[in-house]
Amino acid sequence: MRRIIAWSTAELQLTLGPQPDTQGSLSDGASRLVDPFELATWEELLALLDENGPDELLRQVRAAEAVDPEGRQWPRTKRSDDASAIYLELS
C-alpha cells in the first residue's frame, strides 16, 4: 500500500507498508512537474523517483520549462526555478 503524506508541495514522504522505507524531499522548483505544470500526480512523481531517481525528475522539470520559456502555458513568476530533489531508501 502506498500512502503519501504531503506537508507542502516541497516536502514528501512515501510509505510502503506499515513502516516508512523511502523518503523524499523536493524544493518547490523540483515539484513543478506536479504544481503548476500538472504533468504528473504526486503518486506518479514518487514512482518516477523510485524507478529513475532525482536526475530524471529534474530532467523532466527542465524539459517542461524549456517548452514554455515565457510562461504562457504555465504562468509563473520565473522562467526557471532552482530545483533540488533528495530520495532515500531506508533499510
Protein backbone atom coordinates (compact mmCIF):
# COMPACT_ATOMS: atom_id res chain seq x y z
CA MET A 1 0.00 0.00 0.00
CA ARG A 2 1.32 3.45 -0.88
CA ARG A 3 0.48 6.38 1.32
CA ILE A 4 1.58 9.91 0.58
CA ILE A 5 1.86 12.50 3.30
CA ALA A 6 2.45 15.96 1.87
CA TRP A 7 3.12 18.79 4.29
CA SER A 8 3.59 21.17 1.40
CA THR A 9 4.42 20.85 -2.26
CA ALA A 10 8.09 20.85 -1.28
CA GLU A 11 8.14 18.07 1.33
CA LEU A 12 7.05 14.49 0.68
CA GLN A 13 7.17 11.20 2.45
CA LEU A 14 6.39 7.91 0.76
CA THR A 15 5.39 4.96 2.89
CA LEU A 16 5.23 1.39 1.60
CA GLY A 17 3.53 -0.81 4.13
CA PRO A 18 3.40 -0.06 7.86
CA GLN A 19 6.95 1.35 8.16
CA PRO A 20 8.44 4.19 6.13
CA ASP A 21 11.20 2.80 3.91
CA THR A 22 11.63 5.63 1.45
CA GLN A 23 11.61 9.37 1.92
CA GLY A 24 11.98 12.27 -0.41
CA SER A 25 12.32 16.00 -0.13
CA LEU A 26 11.86 18.41 -3.01
CA SER A 27 12.39 22.10 -3.49
CA ASP A 28 9.44 23.97 -4.96
CA GLY A 29 11.30 24.05 -8.29
CA ALA A 30 11.55 20.26 -8.39
CA SER A 31 7.87 19.88 -7.54
CA ARG A 32 6.87 21.95 -10.60
CA LEU A 33 6.17 18.74 -12.51
CA VAL A 34 3.04 18.42 -10.32
CA ASP A 35 2.32 22.05 -9.46
CA PRO A 36 1.93 24.18 -11.59
CA PHE A 37 2.71 22.09 -14.70
CA GLU A 38 0.29 19.23 -13.85
CA LEU A 39 2.36 16.80 -15.94
CA ALA A 40 2.29 14.22 -13.14
CA THR A 41 0.37 13.44 -9.98
CA TRP A 42 2.17 13.14 -6.63
CA GLU A 43 1.90 9.36 -6.97
CA GLU A 44 3.47 9.48 -10.44
CA LEU A 45 6.23 11.80 -9.24
CA LEU A 46 7.09 9.42 -6.41
CA ALA A 47 7.05 6.45 -8.79
CA LEU A 48 9.40 8.40 -11.09
CA LEU A 49 11.77 9.00 -8.18
CA ASP A 50 11.55 5.36 -7.13
CA GLU A 51 12.18 3.99 -10.63
CA ASN A 52 14.56 6.57 -12.12
CA GLY A 53 15.91 8.73 -9.31
CA PRO A 54 16.12 12.51 -8.86
CA ASP A 55 18.13 13.14 -12.06
CA GLU A 56 15.21 12.06 -14.25
CA LEU A 57 12.74 14.16 -12.26
CA LEU A 58 14.91 17.24 -12.68
CA ARG A 59 15.41 16.49 -16.38
CA GLN A 60 11.63 16.39 -16.89
CA VAL A 61 11.12 19.64 -14.96
CA ARG A 62 13.77 21.40 -17.08
CA ALA A 63 12.25 19.99 -20.29
CA ALA A 64 8.82 21.37 -19.33
CA GLU A 65 10.33 24.77 -18.53
CA ALA A 66 12.10 24.79 -21.92
CA VAL A 67 8.85 24.11 -23.79
CA ASP A 68 7.21 27.19 -22.20
CA PRO A 69 10.02 29.70 -21.57
CA GLU A 70 7.69 32.73 -21.49
CA GLY A 71 5.25 31.14 -19.02
CA ARG A 72 2.22 31.30 -21.29
CA GLN A 73 1.12 27.68 -20.92
CA TRP A 74 2.08 27.51 -17.24
CA PRO A 75 2.03 31.04 -15.79
CA ARG A 76 4.81 31.52 -13.24
CA THR A 77 6.97 34.28 -11.87
CA LYS A 78 10.28 32.81 -13.11
CA ARG A 79 11.22 31.04 -16.32
CA SER A 80 13.22 28.51 -14.32
CA ASP A 81 13.45 27.88 -10.59
CA ASP A 82 16.13 26.21 -8.52
CA ALA A 83 15.32 22.51 -8.39
CA SER A 84 16.63 20.07 -5.82
CA ALA A 85 15.49 16.55 -5.00
CA ILE A 86 16.62 14.02 -2.44
CA TYR A 87 15.33 10.46 -2.43
CA LEU A 88 16.39 7.98 0.24
CA GLU A 89 15.79 4.26 0.51
CA LEU A 90 15.95 3.27 4.15
CA SER A 91 16.86 -0.25 5.16
